[in-house]
């Protein structure tokens, strides 16, 4: 890495910001930086590569002008999704990805998100599910939120969330496009201790789901539970992802392995 840094600084044949932008674009091409990932900020570029404010700013503008990233005001610069057919990469086991939320992830990747709320009701009884051999229960009352998630007018996700109104009172008044994970942390000051997830595949038949399918199509089925301190379950999710439009990655944490 030191060799690359010095090359970006010492290349007299091209401007520093061009050399540095090419280096970061190579990280995108290699997959080191994935669609939706945040590119180092101006301050990070200045600190890491010992360049001026102007060079750092021009570097980010160069990457954006070449179509590799998009700057979102007040948030940063993110790698755009350049895959064919709107394939999206989602990472299981990533707290960062979960915290950012589906809506903001699409924006970061350059898509236009749209939500259609099919059901938003309060259930007095609780809800339970089994994930990875463990039983999880959200005690009532529970907010049931069923919404369809679109990217550029293409239905990507059929999502159902069950959220504890005991742990998150009045959360039903919050807009549905938010990252609920961040709301749990920032608004209700819950300390998330773990996220349990399982992913399976199911074949969906035409005219039997909210997806407009012309032929039997595989769908990813995600079951997840968000757990905070004292083993309290704040959220259970049961969602379908369009199988032709998604790829999933998994983060392994060896230090947590048993």
C-alpha atoms as a PDB file:
ATOM      1  CA  UNK A   1       0.000   0.000   0.000  1.00  0.00           C
ATOM      2  CA  UNK A   2       2.875   2.359   0.801  1.00  0.00           C
ATOM      3  CA  UNK A   3       4.228   1.790  -2.694  1.00  0.00           C
ATOM      4  CA  UNK A   4       0.854   2.730  -4.179  1.00  0.00           C
ATOM      5  CA  UNK A   5       0.659   5.841  -2.044  1.00  0.00           C
ATOM      6  CA  UNK A   6       4.058   7.055  -3.083  1.00  0.00           C
ATOM      7  CA  UNK A   7       3.219   6.335  -6.710  1.00  0.00           C
ATOM      8  CA  UNK A   8       0.077   8.446  -6.426  1.00  0.00           C
ATOM      9  CA  UNK A   9       2.108  11.279  -4.950  1.00  0.00           C
ATOM     10  CA  UNK A  10       5.284  11.044  -7.007  1.00  0.00           C
ATOM     11  CA  UNK A  11       3.901  10.427 -10.501  1.00  0.00           C
ATOM     12  CA  UNK A  12       5.064  13.546 -12.306  1.00  0.00           C
ATOM     13  CA  UNK A  13       3.474  12.447 -15.586  1.00  0.00           C
ATOM     14  CA  UNK A  14      -0.076  13.141 -14.386  1.00  0.00           C
ATOM     15  CA  UNK A  15      -1.807  15.314 -11.829  1.00  0.00           C
ATOM     16  CA  UNK A  16      -1.926  13.939  -8.281  1.00  0.00           C
ATOM     17  CA  UNK A  17      -5.707  13.880  -8.224  1.00  0.00           C
ATOM     18  CA  UNK A  18      -5.814  11.829 -11.460  1.00  0.00           C
ATOM     19  CA  UNK A  19      -3.358   9.257 -10.099  1.00  0.00           C
ATOM     20  CA  UNK A  20      -5.164   9.052  -6.791  1.00  0.00           C
ATOM     21  CA  UNK A  21      -8.597   8.761  -8.413  1.00  0.00           C
ATOM     22  CA  UNK A  22      -7.329   5.928 -10.632  1.00  0.00           C
ATOM     23  CA  UNK A  23      -6.049   4.118  -7.560  1.00  0.00           C
ATOM     24  CA  UNK A  24      -9.435   4.303  -5.850  1.00  0.00           C
ATOM     25  CA  UNK A  25     -11.260   3.293  -9.042  1.00  0.00           C
ATOM     26  CA  UNK A  26      -9.050   0.182  -9.148  1.00  0.00           C
ATOM     27  CA  UNK A  27     -10.248  -0.654  -5.627  1.00  0.00           C
ATOM     28  CA  UNK A  28     -13.819  -0.427  -6.948  1.00  0.00           C
ATOM     29  CA  UNK A  29     -13.086  -2.566 -10.016  1.00  0.00           C
ATOM     30  CA  UNK A  30     -11.396  -5.225  -7.874  1.00  0.00           C
ATOM     31  CA  UNK A  31     -14.402  -5.461  -5.571  1.00  0.00           C
ATOM     32  CA  UNK A  32     -12.570  -4.124  -2.535  1.00  0.00           C
ATOM     33  CA  UNK A  33     -15.094  -1.276  -2.543  1.00  0.00           C
ATOM     34  CA  UNK A  34     -18.607  -2.564  -3.210  1.00  0.00           C
ATOM     35  CA  UNK A  35     -21.669  -0.691  -4.535  1.00  0.00           C
ATOM     36  CA  UNK A  36     -23.034   1.456  -1.741  1.00  0.00           C
ATOM     37  CA  UNK A  37     -19.727   1.543   0.157  1.00  0.00           C
ATOM     38  CA  UNK A  38     -18.489   4.954   1.203  1.00  0.00           C
ATOM     39  CA  UNK A  39     -15.347   6.219  -0.498  1.00  0.00           C
ATOM     40  CA  UNK A  40     -12.729   7.840   1.771  1.00  0.00           C
ATOM     41  CA  UNK A  41     -13.718  11.418   2.561  1.00  0.00           C
ATOM     42  CA  UNK A  42     -11.675  14.512   1.717  1.00  0.00           C
ATOM     43  CA  UNK A  43     -10.235  14.555   5.232  1.00  0.00           C
ATOM     44  CA  UNK A  44      -9.344  10.855   5.043  1.00  0.00           C
ATOM     45  CA  UNK A  45      -7.600  11.347   1.677  1.00  0.00           C
ATOM     46  CA  UNK A  46      -5.662  14.312   3.064  1.00  0.00           C
ATOM     47  CA  UNK A  47      -4.539  12.327   6.114  1.00  0.00           C
ATOM     48  CA  UNK A  48      -3.765   9.047   4.323  1.00  0.00           C
ATOM     49  CA  UNK A  49      -2.086  10.349   1.177  1.00  0.00           C
ATOM     50  CA  UNK A  50      -0.677  13.640   2.516  1.00  0.00           C
ATOM     51  CA  UNK A  51      -2.357  15.694  -0.223  1.00  0.00           C
ATOM     52  CA  UNK A  52      -3.912  19.152  -0.175  1.00  0.00           C
ATOM     53  CA  UNK A  53      -7.592  19.986   0.269  1.00  0.00           C
ATOM     54  CA  UNK A  54      -7.783  20.885  -3.403  1.00  0.00           C
ATOM     55  CA  UNK A  55      -6.255  17.577  -4.531  1.00  0.00           C
ATOM     56  CA  UNK A  56      -8.597  15.596  -2.275  1.00  0.00           C
ATOM     57  CA  UNK A  57     -11.633  17.478  -3.553  1.00  0.00           C
ATOM     58  CA  UNK A  58     -10.598  17.055  -7.196  1.00  0.00           C
ATOM     59  CA  UNK A  59      -9.996  13.343  -6.603  1.00  0.00           C
ATOM     60  CA  UNK A  60     -13.570  12.782  -5.450  1.00  0.00           C
ATOM     61  CA  UNK A  61     -14.979  14.914  -8.263  1.00  0.00           C
ATOM     62  CA  UNK A  62     -12.931  12.932 -10.803  1.00  0.00           C
ATOM     63  CA  UNK A  63     -14.243   9.599  -9.495  1.00  0.00           C
ATOM     64  CA  UNK A  64     -17.798  10.955  -9.605  1.00  0.00           C
ATOM     65  CA  UNK A  65     -17.439  12.466 -13.082  1.00  0.00           C
ATOM     66  CA  UNK A  66     -16.303   9.091 -14.448  1.00  0.00           C
ATOM     67  CA  UNK A  67     -19.476   7.467 -13.147  1.00  0.00           C
ATOM     68  CA  UNK A  68     -17.957   5.351 -10.393  1.00  0.00           C
ATOM     69  CA  UNK A  69     -19.430   7.167  -7.427  1.00  0.00           C
ATOM     70  CA  UNK A  70     -22.034   9.660  -6.328  1.00  0.00           C
ATOM     71  CA  UNK A  71     -21.730  12.367  -3.716  1.00  0.00           C
ATOM     72  CA  UNK A  72     -24.692  12.757  -1.361  1.00  0.00           C
ATOM     73  CA  UNK A  73     -24.721  16.145   0.308  1.00  0.00           C
ATOM     74  CA  UNK A  74     -24.003  15.968   4.005  1.00  0.00           C
ATOM     75  CA  UNK A  75     -23.320  12.207   3.929  1.00  0.00           C
ATOM     76  CA  UNK A  76     -20.331  11.465   1.702  1.00  0.00           C
ATOM     77  CA  UNK A  77     -19.391   9.870  -1.618  1.00  0.00           C
ATOM     78  CA  UNK A  78     -20.628   6.346  -2.381  1.00  0.00           C
ATOM     79  CA  UNK A  79     -19.764   3.694  -4.958  1.00  0.00           C
ATOM     80  CA  UNK A  80     -22.464   3.493  -7.626  1.00  0.00           C
ATOM     81  CA  UNK A  81     -24.035   0.234  -8.709  1.00  0.00           C
ATOM     82  CA  UNK A  82     -22.822  -0.413 -12.273  1.00  0.00           C
ATOM     83  CA  UNK A  83     -23.881  -4.050 -12.470  1.00  0.00           C
ATOM     84  CA  UNK A  84     -26.120  -5.173 -15.308  1.00  0.00           C
ATOM     85  CA  UNK A  85     -29.809  -5.784 -14.694  1.00  0.00           C
ATOM     86  CA  UNK A  86     -29.887  -3.944 -11.361  1.00  0.00           C
ATOM     87  CA  UNK A  87     -28.172  -6.733  -9.440  1.00  0.00           C
ATOM     88  CA  UNK A  88     -27.767  -5.633  -5.854  1.00  0.00           C
ATOM     89  CA  UNK A  89     -25.266  -6.999  -3.371  1.00  0.00           C
ATOM     90  CA  UNK A  90     -26.424  -7.319   0.217  1.00  0.00           C
ATOM     91  CA  UNK A  91     -24.182  -8.414   3.076  1.00  0.00           C
ATOM     92  CA  UNK A  92     -25.510 -10.642   5.833  1.00  0.00           C
ATOM     93  CA  UNK A  93     -23.885 -10.207   9.213  1.00  0.00           C
ATOM     94  CA  UNK A  94     -22.900  -6.606   8.533  1.00  0.00           C
ATOM     95  CA  UNK A  95     -24.070  -4.224  11.246  1.00  0.00           C
ATOM     96  CA  UNK A  96     -22.944  -1.346   9.024  1.00  0.00           C
ATOM     97  CA  UNK A  97     -25.198  -2.459   6.158  1.00  0.00           C
ATOM     98  CA  UNK A  98     -28.114  -3.094   8.515  1.00  0.00           C
ATOM     99  CA  UNK A  99     -27.714   0.287  10.192  1.00  0.00           C
ATOM    100  CA  UNK A 100     -27.703   2.130   6.865  1.00  0.00           C
ATOM    101  CA  UNK A 101     -31.049   0.647   5.856  1.00  0.00           C
ATOM    102  CA  UNK A 102     -32.583  -0.381   2.533  1.00  0.00           C
ATOM    103  CA  UNK A 103     -33.751   3.088   1.440  1.00  0.00           C
ATOM    104  CA  UNK A 104     -30.407   4.828   2.005  1.00  0.00           C
ATOM    105  CA  UNK A 105     -28.519   1.898   0.457  1.00  0.00           C
ATOM    106  CA  UNK A 106     -30.435   2.312  -2.804  1.00  0.00           C
ATOM    107  CA  UNK A 107     -29.775   6.052  -2.864  1.00  0.00           C
ATOM    108  CA  UNK A 108     -26.082   5.475  -2.190  1.00  0.00           C
ATOM    109  CA  UNK A 109     -25.914   3.067  -5.126  1.00  0.00           C
ATOM    110  CA  UNK A 110     -27.581   5.541  -7.486  1.00  0.00           C
ATOM    111  CA  UNK A 111     -31.110   4.133  -7.593  1.00  0.00           C
ATOM    112  CA  UNK A 112     -34.355   5.984  -6.959  1.00  0.00           C
ATOM    113  CA  UNK A 113     -36.169   4.244  -4.090  1.00  0.00           C
ATOM    114  CA  UNK A 114     -39.924   4.108  -3.673  1.00  0.00           C
ATOM    115  CA  UNK A 115     -42.047   2.450  -0.993  1.00  0.00           C
ATOM    116  CA  UNK A 116     -45.660   1.337  -1.066  1.00  0.00           C
ATOM    117  CA  UNK A 117     -47.125   0.603   2.361  1.00  0.00           C
ATOM    118  CA  UNK A 118     -49.607  -2.259   2.171  1.00  0.00           C
ATOM    119  CA  UNK A 119     -50.298  -2.563   5.886  1.00  0.00           C
ATOM    120  CA  UNK A 120     -49.393  -0.544   8.960  1.00  0.00           C
ATOM    121  CA  UNK A 121     -51.307  -1.832  11.959  1.00  0.00           C
ATOM    122  CA  UNK A 122     -50.868  -2.365  15.676  1.00  0.00           C
ATOM    123  CA  UNK A 123     -51.231  -5.955  16.898  1.00  0.00           C
ATOM    124  CA  UNK A 124     -51.998  -6.412  20.572  1.00  0.00           C
ATOM    125  CA  UNK A 125     -50.626  -9.946  20.610  1.00  0.00           C
ATOM    126  CA  UNK A 126     -46.957 -10.734  20.198  1.00  0.00           C
ATOM    127  CA  UNK A 127     -45.193 -12.447  17.294  1.00  0.00           C
ATOM    128  CA  UNK A 128     -42.626 -15.234  17.346  1.00  0.00           C
ATOM    129  CA  UNK A 129     -40.224 -16.923  14.968  1.00  0.00           C
ATOM    130  CA  UNK A 130     -37.441 -19.507  14.968  1.00  0.00           C
ATOM    131  CA  UNK A 131     -34.057 -18.540  13.539  1.00  0.00           C
ATOM    132  CA  UNK A 132     -30.887 -20.636  13.651  1.00  0.00           C
ATOM    133  CA  UNK A 133     -32.552 -23.024  16.056  1.00  0.00           C
ATOM    134  CA  UNK A 134     -33.464 -20.278  18.523  1.00  0.00           C
ATOM    135  CA  UNK A 135     -36.932 -19.045  19.382  1.00  0.00           C
ATOM    136  CA  UNK A 136     -37.500 -15.283  19.323  1.00  0.00           C
ATOM    137  CA  UNK A 137     -40.579 -13.451  20.599  1.00  0.00           C
ATOM    138  CA  UNK A 138     -41.627  -9.808  20.291  1.00  0.00           C
ATOM    139  CA  UNK A 139     -44.097  -9.169  23.080  1.00  0.00           C
ATOM    140  CA  UNK A 140     -47.244  -7.216  22.224  1.00  0.00           C
ATOM    141  CA  UNK A 141     -48.246  -4.616  21.359  1.00  0.00           C
ATOM    142  CA  UNK A 142     -46.429  -4.861  18.025  1.00  0.00           C
ATOM    143  CA  UNK A 143     -46.314  -2.612  14.972  1.00  0.00           C
ATOM    144  CA  UNK A 144     -46.790  -4.681  11.818  1.00  0.00           C
ATOM    145  CA  UNK A 145     -45.366  -2.923   8.781  1.00  0.00           C
ATOM    146  CA  UNK A 146     -45.784  -4.510   5.350  1.00  0.00           C
ATOM    147  CA  UNK A 147     -44.311  -2.561   2.459  1.00  0.00           C
ATOM    148  CA  UNK A 148     -43.068  -3.063  -1.078  1.00  0.00           C
ATOM    149  CA  UNK A 149     -39.600  -1.691  -1.815  1.00  0.00           C
ATOM    150  CA  UNK A 150     -38.835  -0.464  -5.318  1.00  0.00           C
ATOM    151  CA  UNK A 151     -35.599   0.575  -7.038  1.00  0.00           C
ATOM    152  CA  UNK A 152     -36.171   2.607 -10.219  1.00  0.00           C
ATOM    153  CA  UNK A 153     -39.779   1.322 -10.336  1.00  0.00           C
ATOM    154  CA  UNK A 154     -38.683  -2.328 -10.112  1.00  0.00           C
ATOM    155  CA  UNK A 155     -40.002  -4.244  -7.106  1.00  0.00           C
ATOM    156  CA  UNK A 156     -36.945  -5.568  -5.275  1.00  0.00           C
ATOM    157  CA  UNK A 157     -38.232  -6.517  -1.842  1.00  0.00           C
ATOM    158  CA  UNK A 158     -41.532  -7.532  -0.241  1.00  0.00           C
ATOM    159  CA  UNK A 159     -40.881  -6.663   3.398  1.00  0.00           C
ATOM    160  CA  UNK A 160     -42.744  -7.387   6.625  1.00  0.00           C
ATOM    161  CA  UNK A 161     -41.418  -6.063   9.934  1.00  0.00           C
ATOM    162  CA  UNK A 162     -42.792  -6.587  13.428  1.00  0.00           C
ATOM    163  CA  UNK A 163     -41.515  -3.956  15.871  1.00  0.00           C
ATOM    164  CA  UNK A 164     -41.943  -3.835  19.645  1.00  0.00           C
ATOM    165  CA  UNK A 165     -44.064  -0.866  20.706  1.00  0.00           C
ATOM    166  CA  UNK A 166     -43.061  -1.552  24.309  1.00  0.00           C
ATOM    167  CA  UNK A 167     -39.394  -0.871  23.503  1.00  0.00           C
ATOM    168  CA  UNK A 168     -40.212   1.729  20.815  1.00  0.00           C
ATOM    169  CA  UNK A 169     -43.406   3.581  21.781  1.00  0.00           C
ATOM    170  CA  UNK A 170     -45.013   5.667  19.010  1.00  0.00           C
ATOM    171  CA  UNK A 171     -42.578   4.352  16.387  1.00  0.00           C
ATOM    172  CA  UNK A 172     -45.660   3.927  14.170  1.00  0.00           C
ATOM    173  CA  UNK A 173     -45.585   7.726  13.695  1.00  0.00           C
ATOM    174  CA  UNK A 174     -42.133   7.657  12.093  1.00  0.00           C
ATOM    175  CA  UNK A 175     -41.859   7.658   8.254  1.00  0.00           C
ATOM    176  CA  UNK A 176     -41.464   4.143   6.855  1.00  0.00           C
ATOM    177  CA  UNK A 177     -38.477   4.832   4.580  1.00  0.00           C
ATOM    178  CA  UNK A 178     -36.134   5.407   7.528  1.00  0.00           C
ATOM    179  CA  UNK A 179     -33.508   2.973   8.764  1.00  0.00           C
ATOM    180  CA  UNK A 180     -35.305   1.528  11.765  1.00  0.00           C
ATOM    181  CA  UNK A 181     -32.024   0.167  13.076  1.00  0.00           C
ATOM    182  CA  UNK A 182     -30.712   3.745  13.429  1.00  0.00           C
ATOM    183  CA  UNK A 183     -34.005   4.795  15.004  1.00  0.00           C
ATOM    184  CA  UNK A 184     -33.660   2.050  17.629  1.00  0.00           C
ATOM    185  CA  UNK A 185     -30.192   3.344  18.491  1.00  0.00           C
ATOM    186  CA  UNK A 186     -30.583   7.105  18.123  1.00  0.00           C
ATOM    187  CA  UNK A 187     -34.200   7.765  19.128  1.00  0.00           C
ATOM    188  CA  UNK A 188     -34.869   4.985  21.630  1.00  0.00           C
ATOM    189  CA  UNK A 189     -31.262   4.585  22.813  1.00  0.00           C
ATOM    190  CA  UNK A 190     -31.349   0.815  22.525  1.00  0.00           C
ATOM    191  CA  UNK A 191     -28.016  -0.968  22.477  1.00  0.00           C
ATOM    192  CA  UNK A 192     -28.228  -3.663  19.778  1.00  0.00           C
ATOM    193  CA  UNK A 193     -26.387  -6.769  20.941  1.00  0.00           C
ATOM    194  CA  UNK A 194     -26.911  -9.052  17.931  1.00  0.00           C
ATOM    195  CA  UNK A 195     -28.760  -9.604  14.660  1.00  0.00           C
ATOM    196  CA  UNK A 196     -29.771 -13.173  13.839  1.00  0.00           C
ATOM    197  CA  UNK A 197     -30.483 -13.944  10.166  1.00  0.00           C
ATOM    198  CA  UNK A 198     -31.268 -16.927   7.978  1.00  0.00           C
ATOM    199  CA  UNK A 199     -31.532 -16.935   4.204  1.00  0.00           C
ATOM    200  CA  UNK A 200     -33.402 -19.535   2.186  1.00  0.00           C
ATOM    201  CA  UNK A 201     -34.721 -19.817  -1.367  1.00  0.00           C
ATOM    202  CA  UNK A 202     -38.309 -20.350  -2.492  1.00  0.00           C
ATOM    203  CA  UNK A 203     -39.759 -20.630  -5.997  1.00  0.00           C
ATOM    204  CA  UNK A 204     -42.525 -18.103  -6.552  1.00  0.00           C
ATOM    205  CA  UNK A 205     -45.230 -18.826  -9.102  1.00  0.00           C
ATOM    206  CA  UNK A 206     -46.730 -16.122 -11.350  1.00  0.00           C
ATOM    207  CA  UNK A 207     -49.800 -14.310  -9.967  1.00  0.00           C
ATOM    208  CA  UNK A 208     -49.282 -15.652  -6.446  1.00  0.00           C
ATOM    209  CA  UNK A 209     -47.188 -12.808  -4.972  1.00  0.00           C
ATOM    210  CA  UNK A 210     -46.735  -9.050  -5.173  1.00  0.00           C
ATOM    211  CA  UNK A 211     -43.906  -9.558  -7.655  1.00  0.00           C
ATOM    212  CA  UNK A 212     -45.023  -9.280 -11.275  1.00  0.00           C
ATOM    213  CA  UNK A 213     -43.638 -12.556 -12.584  1.00  0.00           C
ATOM    214  CA  UNK A 214     -44.112 -14.091 -16.005  1.00  0.00           C
ATOM    215  CA  UNK A 215     -42.556 -17.428 -15.009  1.00  0.00           C
ATOM    216  CA  UNK A 216     -41.604 -19.329 -11.849  1.00  0.00           C
ATOM    217  CA  UNK A 217     -38.844 -17.281 -10.234  1.00  0.00           C
ATOM    218  CA  UNK A 218     -36.593 -17.937  -7.247  1.00  0.00           C
ATOM    219  CA  UNK A 219     -36.833 -15.557  -4.314  1.00  0.00           C
ATOM    220  CA  UNK A 220     -34.547 -15.164  -1.334  1.00  0.00           C
ATOM    221  CA  UNK A 221     -36.446 -15.419   1.938  1.00  0.00           C
ATOM    222  CA  UNK A 222     -34.833 -13.528   4.802  1.00  0.00           C
ATOM    223  CA  UNK A 223     -35.836 -14.167   8.398  1.00  0.00           C
ATOM    224  CA  UNK A 224     -34.152 -11.961  10.954  1.00  0.00           C
ATOM    225  CA  UNK A 225     -34.382 -10.841  14.560  1.00  0.00           C
ATOM    226  CA  UNK A 226     -32.812  -7.741  16.079  1.00  0.00           C
ATOM    227  CA  UNK A 227     -31.925  -8.239  19.738  1.00  0.00           C
ATOM    228  CA  UNK A 228     -30.942  -5.575  22.248  1.00  0.00           C
ATOM    229  CA  UNK A 229     -29.626  -5.782  25.798  1.00  0.00           C
ATOM    230  CA  UNK A 230     -31.225  -8.212  28.259  1.00  0.00           C
ATOM    231  CA  UNK A 231     -32.150 -10.412  25.268  1.00  0.00           C
ATOM    232  CA  UNK A 232     -35.115  -8.209  24.411  1.00  0.00           C
ATOM    233  CA  UNK A 233     -36.265  -8.657  20.806  1.00  0.00           C
ATOM    234  CA  UNK A 234     -37.031  -5.292  19.223  1.00  0.00           C
ATOM    235  CA  UNK A 235     -37.744  -6.456  15.658  1.00  0.00           C
ATOM    236  CA  UNK A 236     -38.581  -9.555  13.649  1.00  0.00           C
ATOM    237  CA  UNK A 237     -38.458  -9.365   9.865  1.00  0.00           C
ATOM    238  CA  UNK A 238     -39.774 -11.788   7.235  1.00  0.00           C
ATOM    239  CA  UNK A 239     -39.038 -10.592   3.717  1.00  0.00           C
ATOM    240  CA  UNK A 240     -38.777 -11.757   0.112  1.00  0.00           C
ATOM    241  CA  UNK A 241     -36.051 -10.502  -2.218  1.00  0.00           C
ATOM    242  CA  UNK A 242     -36.344 -10.759  -6.008  1.00  0.00           C
ATOM    243  CA  UNK A 243     -34.070 -13.723  -6.750  1.00  0.00           C
ATOM    244  CA  UNK A 244     -33.050 -12.526 -10.226  1.00  0.00           C
ATOM    245  CA  UNK A 245     -31.857  -9.171  -8.885  1.00  0.00           C
ATOM    246  CA  UNK A 246     -29.861 -10.028  -5.794  1.00  0.00           C
ATOM    247  CA  UNK A 247     -26.568 -11.448  -4.681  1.00  0.00           C
ATOM    248  CA  UNK A 248     -25.810 -11.989  -1.005  1.00  0.00           C
ATOM    249  CA  UNK A 249     -22.462 -11.924   0.724  1.00  0.00           C
ATOM    250  CA  UNK A 250     -21.711 -13.103   4.255  1.00  0.00           C
ATOM    251  CA  UNK A 251     -19.387 -11.594   6.843  1.00  0.00           C
ATOM    252  CA  UNK A 252     -17.716 -14.113   9.142  1.00  0.00           C
ATOM    253  CA  UNK A 253     -16.394 -12.998  12.519  1.00  0.00           C
ATOM    254  CA  UNK A 254     -13.836 -15.585  13.699  1.00  0.00           C
ATOM    255  CA  UNK A 255     -13.483 -13.889  17.087  1.00  0.00           C
ATOM    256  CA  UNK A 256     -17.155 -14.647  17.761  1.00  0.00           C
ATOM    257  CA  UNK A 257     -17.032 -18.240  16.549  1.00  0.00           C
ATOM    258  CA  UNK A 258     -17.624 -21.082  19.001  1.00  0.00           C
END
